[in-house]
């Protein structure tokens, strides 16, 4: 009878540790939850940054000008463009 009782208690303890809802599964789920929460926070921050950038591109002429100059190489009338070549050192 004692052996049967010990076996039964052993099965319950083992199930509590490694079962579908056991301690290890709970710890794993908690870790995954925190990883996903961090991913969501990073995604929300990136989304806010992109929304702000979109708003500035719609409403701020200086931002539009800066992007046009940087990405399209546009210049204002009367400006001069200087192209500087890096020649490097001559080897003797």
N, C-alpha and C. Protein backbone atom coordinates (compact mmCIF):
# COMPACT_ATOMS: atom_id res chain seq x y z
N UNK A 1 0.83 -1.19 0.00
CA UNK A 1 0.00 0.00 0.00
C UNK A 1 0.88 1.26 0.00
N UNK A 2 1.97 1.26 0.80
CA UNK A 2 2.87 2.41 0.83
C UNK A 2 3.53 2.64 -0.52
N UNK A 3 3.94 1.58 -1.16
CA UNK A 3 4.59 1.69 -2.48
C UNK A 3 3.63 2.30 -3.48
N UNK A 4 2.39 1.87 -3.44
CA UNK A 4 1.37 2.40 -4.35
C UNK A 4 1.14 3.89 -4.07
N UNK A 5 1.08 4.25 -2.80
CA UNK A 5 0.90 5.65 -2.43
C UNK A 5 2.11 6.49 -2.86
N UNK A 6 3.33 6.00 -2.65
CA UNK A 6 4.53 6.71 -3.09
C UNK A 6 4.58 6.84 -4.61
N UNK A 7 4.19 5.82 -5.31
CA UNK A 7 4.14 5.86 -6.77
C UNK A 7 3.13 6.90 -7.24
N UNK A 8 1.98 6.94 -6.60
CA UNK A 8 0.93 7.90 -6.94
C UNK A 8 1.42 9.33 -6.68
N UNK A 9 2.03 9.59 -5.54
CA UNK A 9 2.56 10.91 -5.22
C UNK A 9 3.68 11.28 -6.19
N UNK A 10 4.53 10.33 -6.54
CA UNK A 10 5.60 10.57 -7.50
C UNK A 10 5.06 10.99 -8.85
N UNK A 11 4.00 10.34 -9.32
CA UNK A 11 3.38 10.69 -10.60
C UNK A 11 2.80 12.10 -10.54
N UNK A 12 2.16 12.44 -9.44
CA UNK A 12 1.58 13.78 -9.30
C UNK A 12 2.67 14.85 -9.30
N UNK A 13 3.75 14.61 -8.56
CA UNK A 13 4.86 15.57 -8.52
C UNK A 13 5.51 15.70 -9.90
N UNK A 14 5.71 14.61 -10.57
CA UNK A 14 6.30 14.64 -11.90
C UNK A 14 5.41 15.40 -12.88
N UNK A 15 4.11 15.16 -12.80
CA UNK A 15 3.17 15.87 -13.67
C UNK A 15 3.17 17.37 -13.35
N UNK A 16 3.29 17.72 -12.07
CA UNK A 16 3.32 19.13 -11.69
C UNK A 16 4.56 19.83 -12.22
N UNK A 17 5.63 19.09 -12.39
CA UNK A 17 6.87 19.69 -12.90
C UNK A 17 6.92 19.76 -14.42
N UNK A 18 6.61 18.66 -15.09
CA UNK A 18 6.82 18.60 -16.53
C UNK A 18 5.56 18.38 -17.34
N UNK A 19 4.41 18.42 -16.73
CA UNK A 19 3.17 18.22 -17.46
C UNK A 19 2.83 19.41 -18.34
N UNK A 20 1.71 19.32 -19.07
CA UNK A 20 1.29 20.40 -19.97
C UNK A 20 1.10 21.73 -19.24
N UNK A 21 0.69 21.67 -18.00
CA UNK A 21 0.49 22.88 -17.22
C UNK A 21 1.42 22.89 -16.01
N UNK A 22 2.52 22.23 -16.13
CA UNK A 22 3.47 22.12 -15.03
C UNK A 22 4.36 23.34 -14.91
N UNK A 23 5.25 23.27 -13.96
CA UNK A 23 6.15 24.38 -13.66
C UNK A 23 7.03 24.74 -14.85
N UNK A 24 7.60 23.77 -15.53
CA UNK A 24 8.48 24.07 -16.67
C UNK A 24 7.71 24.73 -17.81
N UNK A 25 6.49 24.23 -18.06
CA UNK A 25 5.67 24.82 -19.12
C UNK A 25 5.28 26.26 -18.76
N UNK A 26 4.98 26.48 -17.48
CA UNK A 26 4.62 27.83 -17.03
C UNK A 26 5.80 28.79 -17.18
N UNK A 27 6.97 28.35 -16.80
CA UNK A 27 8.16 29.20 -16.95
C UNK A 27 8.46 29.50 -18.41
N UNK A 28 8.31 28.50 -19.26
CA UNK A 28 8.54 28.69 -20.70
C UNK A 28 7.52 29.69 -21.27
N UNK A 29 6.26 29.54 -20.88
CA UNK A 29 5.22 30.45 -21.36
C UNK A 29 5.48 31.87 -20.87
N UNK A 30 5.92 32.01 -19.64
CA UNK A 30 6.21 33.33 -19.10
C UNK A 30 7.36 33.98 -19.85
N UNK A 31 8.40 33.21 -20.17
CA UNK A 31 9.54 33.75 -20.94
C UNK A 31 9.09 34.18 -22.33
N UNK A 32 8.28 33.35 -22.98
CA UNK A 32 7.78 33.71 -24.31
C UNK A 32 6.92 34.96 -24.26
N UNK A 33 6.12 35.07 -23.20
CA UNK A 33 5.27 36.26 -23.04
C UNK A 33 6.13 37.52 -22.96
N UNK A 34 7.18 37.49 -22.15
CA UNK A 34 8.05 38.66 -22.01
C UNK A 34 8.78 38.98 -23.31
N UNK A 35 9.20 37.96 -24.04
CA UNK A 35 9.85 38.19 -25.34
C UNK A 35 8.88 38.84 -26.32
N UNK A 36 7.65 38.34 -26.36
CA UNK A 36 6.65 38.92 -27.26
C UNK A 36 6.27 40.33 -26.85
N UNK A 37 6.17 40.58 -25.55
CA UNK A 37 5.86 41.93 -25.08
C UNK A 37 6.95 42.91 -25.48
N UNK A 38 8.21 42.48 -25.41
CA UNK A 38 9.32 43.34 -25.84
C UNK A 38 9.26 43.59 -27.34
N UNK A 39 8.93 42.56 -28.10
CA UNK A 39 8.80 42.72 -29.55
C UNK A 39 7.68 43.70 -29.89
N UNK A 40 6.57 43.59 -29.19
CA UNK A 40 5.45 44.50 -29.42
C UNK A 40 5.85 45.93 -29.08
N UNK A 41 6.56 46.12 -27.99
CA UNK A 41 7.00 47.46 -27.60
C UNK A 41 7.92 48.06 -28.66
N UNK A 42 8.86 47.26 -29.17
CA UNK A 42 9.76 47.75 -30.23
C UNK A 42 8.97 48.08 -31.50
N UNK A 43 8.01 47.24 -31.84
CA UNK A 43 7.21 47.47 -33.05
C UNK A 43 6.37 48.74 -32.90
N UNK A 44 5.80 48.96 -31.71
CA UNK A 44 5.01 50.17 -31.49
C UNK A 44 5.88 51.42 -31.57
N UNK A 45 7.09 51.35 -31.03
CA UNK A 45 8.00 52.50 -31.11
C UNK A 45 8.37 52.79 -32.56
N UNK A 46 8.66 51.75 -33.32
CA UNK A 46 8.98 51.92 -34.75
C UNK A 46 7.78 52.48 -35.50
N UNK A 47 6.59 52.01 -35.17
CA UNK A 47 5.37 52.50 -35.81
C UNK A 47 5.17 53.99 -35.51
N UNK A 48 5.40 54.38 -34.26
CA UNK A 48 5.27 55.80 -33.89
C UNK A 48 6.29 56.64 -34.63
N UNK A 49 7.53 56.13 -34.76
CA UNK A 49 8.57 56.87 -35.48
C UNK A 49 8.19 57.04 -36.94
N UNK A 50 7.67 55.98 -37.56
CA UNK A 50 7.28 56.05 -38.97
C UNK A 50 6.07 56.96 -39.17
N UNK A 51 5.12 56.93 -38.23
CA UNK A 51 3.95 57.82 -38.33
C UNK A 51 4.39 59.27 -38.23
N UNK A 52 5.35 59.56 -37.34
CA UNK A 52 5.86 60.92 -37.22
C UNK A 52 6.59 61.34 -38.50
N UNK A 53 7.37 60.42 -39.06
CA UNK A 53 8.07 60.72 -40.30
C UNK A 53 7.08 60.97 -41.44
N UNK A 54 6.03 60.18 -41.52
CA UNK A 54 5.00 60.37 -42.56
C UNK A 54 4.31 61.72 -42.38
N UNK A 55 4.00 62.10 -41.12
CA UNK A 55 3.38 63.39 -40.86
C UNK A 55 4.28 64.53 -41.29
N UNK A 56 5.59 64.42 -40.95
CA UNK A 56 6.52 65.47 -41.36
C UNK A 56 6.65 65.55 -42.87
N UNK A 57 6.63 64.41 -43.55
CA UNK A 57 6.73 64.43 -45.01
C UNK A 57 5.48 65.04 -45.65
N UNK A 58 4.35 64.92 -44.99
CA UNK A 58 3.12 65.53 -45.51
C UNK A 58 3.07 67.02 -45.21
N UNK A 59 3.50 67.43 -44.01
CA UNK A 59 3.20 68.77 -43.52
C UNK A 59 4.39 69.72 -43.41
N UNK A 60 5.61 69.23 -43.38
CA UNK A 60 6.78 70.08 -43.10
C UNK A 60 7.61 70.27 -44.36
N UNK A 61 7.57 71.47 -44.92
CA UNK A 61 8.34 71.72 -46.15
C UNK A 61 9.84 71.50 -45.99
N UNK A 62 10.38 71.78 -44.80
CA UNK A 62 11.82 71.58 -44.60
C UNK A 62 12.18 70.10 -44.69
N UNK A 63 11.32 69.24 -44.15
CA UNK A 63 11.57 67.80 -44.24
C UNK A 63 11.50 67.33 -45.68
N UNK A 64 10.52 67.83 -46.41
CA UNK A 64 10.38 67.46 -47.82
C UNK A 64 11.62 67.91 -48.60
N UNK A 65 12.09 69.12 -48.33
CA UNK A 65 13.28 69.63 -49.01
C UNK A 65 14.50 68.79 -48.66
N UNK A 66 14.65 68.45 -47.40
CA UNK A 66 15.81 67.66 -46.97
C UNK A 66 15.83 66.30 -47.66
N UNK A 67 14.67 65.65 -47.78
CA UNK A 67 14.60 64.34 -48.44
C UNK A 67 14.88 64.50 -49.93
N UNK A 68 14.33 65.54 -50.54
CA UNK A 68 14.56 65.77 -51.97
C UNK A 68 16.04 66.00 -52.24
N UNK A 69 16.71 66.74 -51.38
CA UNK A 69 18.13 67.00 -51.59
C UNK A 69 18.95 65.72 -51.37
N UNK A 70 18.64 65.01 -50.31
CA UNK A 70 19.44 63.83 -49.97
C UNK A 70 19.21 62.67 -50.95
N UNK A 71 17.95 62.35 -51.22
CA UNK A 71 17.66 61.15 -51.99
C UNK A 71 17.60 61.39 -53.50
N UNK A 72 17.22 62.59 -53.89
CA UNK A 72 17.09 62.85 -55.32
C UNK A 72 18.20 63.75 -55.87
N UNK A 73 19.04 64.28 -54.98
CA UNK A 73 20.14 65.12 -55.43
C UNK A 73 19.68 66.45 -55.99
N UNK A 74 18.54 66.95 -55.57
CA UNK A 74 18.01 68.22 -56.09
C UNK A 74 18.71 69.40 -55.43
N UNK A 75 18.79 70.51 -56.19
CA UNK A 75 19.39 71.73 -55.67
C UNK A 75 18.43 72.89 -55.94
N UNK A 76 18.61 73.97 -55.19
CA UNK A 76 17.81 75.16 -55.39
C UNK A 76 18.38 75.96 -56.56
N UNK A 77 17.54 76.76 -57.20
CA UNK A 77 18.06 77.64 -58.25
C UNK A 77 19.12 78.58 -57.67
N UNK A 78 20.22 78.72 -58.39
CA UNK A 78 21.30 79.59 -57.96
C UNK A 78 22.35 78.89 -57.12
N UNK A 79 22.09 77.69 -56.67
CA UNK A 79 23.09 76.95 -55.89
C UNK A 79 24.09 76.31 -56.84
N UNK A 80 25.26 76.05 -56.33
CA UNK A 80 26.28 75.37 -57.11
C UNK A 80 26.58 74.04 -56.45
N UNK A 81 26.84 73.07 -57.28
CA UNK A 81 27.16 71.74 -56.78
C UNK A 81 28.64 71.49 -57.04
N UNK A 82 29.34 71.04 -56.03
CA UNK A 82 30.74 70.69 -56.16
C UNK A 82 30.86 69.19 -55.95
N UNK A 83 31.48 68.50 -56.86
CA UNK A 83 31.71 67.07 -56.75
C UNK A 83 33.18 66.87 -56.41
N UNK A 84 33.43 66.25 -55.29
CA UNK A 84 34.79 66.05 -54.82
C UNK A 84 35.14 64.59 -55.02
N UNK A 85 36.23 64.35 -55.76
CA UNK A 85 36.69 62.99 -55.97
C UNK A 85 37.80 62.66 -54.99
N UNK A 86 37.76 61.47 -54.47
CA UNK A 86 38.82 61.00 -53.60
C UNK A 86 39.84 60.27 -54.52
N UNK A 87 40.98 60.90 -54.73
CA UNK A 87 41.96 60.38 -55.67
C UNK A 87 42.81 59.29 -55.05
N UNK A 88 43.04 59.37 -53.75
CA UNK A 88 43.89 58.37 -53.11
C UNK A 88 45.34 58.76 -53.24
N UNK A 89 46.20 58.00 -52.58
CA UNK A 89 47.64 58.29 -52.62
C UNK A 89 48.30 57.53 -53.76
N UNK A 90 49.24 58.19 -54.40
CA UNK A 90 50.03 57.54 -55.43
C UNK A 90 51.10 56.70 -54.79
N UNK A 91 51.30 55.51 -55.26
CA UNK A 91 52.34 54.64 -54.74
C UNK A 91 53.59 54.81 -55.57
N UNK A 92 54.71 55.07 -54.92
CA UNK A 92 55.96 55.27 -55.65
C UNK A 92 56.79 54.04 -55.63
